[in-house]
């Protein structure tokens, strides 16, 4: 019987790239929720025509420049959506998921963002006067040149929030 011995130094150059690639693939799958998702075209149409889209799937939706004044987007999934230049004045985004969304140059004065998840959201050059962000998740946001008066969005995060009420 032939006995083969491999030393660690001989295996490492072969195995290391494979392990590195495997780890990168796993990290990508975990960060995207393990499934590739796309917006529901019927939901995009519904939102643009009626302004009503609670609990809609708008993942990766291109809503660039959309006029969504007063829109009902409660609990909508807007993960990775492009809302560049959109007007969301007075929109209800309570509980919405806006992770990795692009809100650059968006206007969301008086919008309701309570319990919304805005992790890694791009808010550069946006305007958000008196937006309600109580109990929202605001982490790793780009707020360069944004106008965020009385909105609870700032470099240090919100201060002095009351205890979270029952939902």
Foldseek 3Di string as FASTA:
>chain_A
DDDDDDDPVRCCVVVVVVVVVVVVVVVVCVVCVNDDDAFDVVQVVCCQVPLEREQGEHDQPECDLGENDQREHDQYEDDQYEDDNYEHANHEDDNYEHHNYECAQYEHENYEHDNYEQHQYEDDNYEYALHAHHNYHDYNYHHHNYHHHNHQDDPVGRPDGDDDDDD
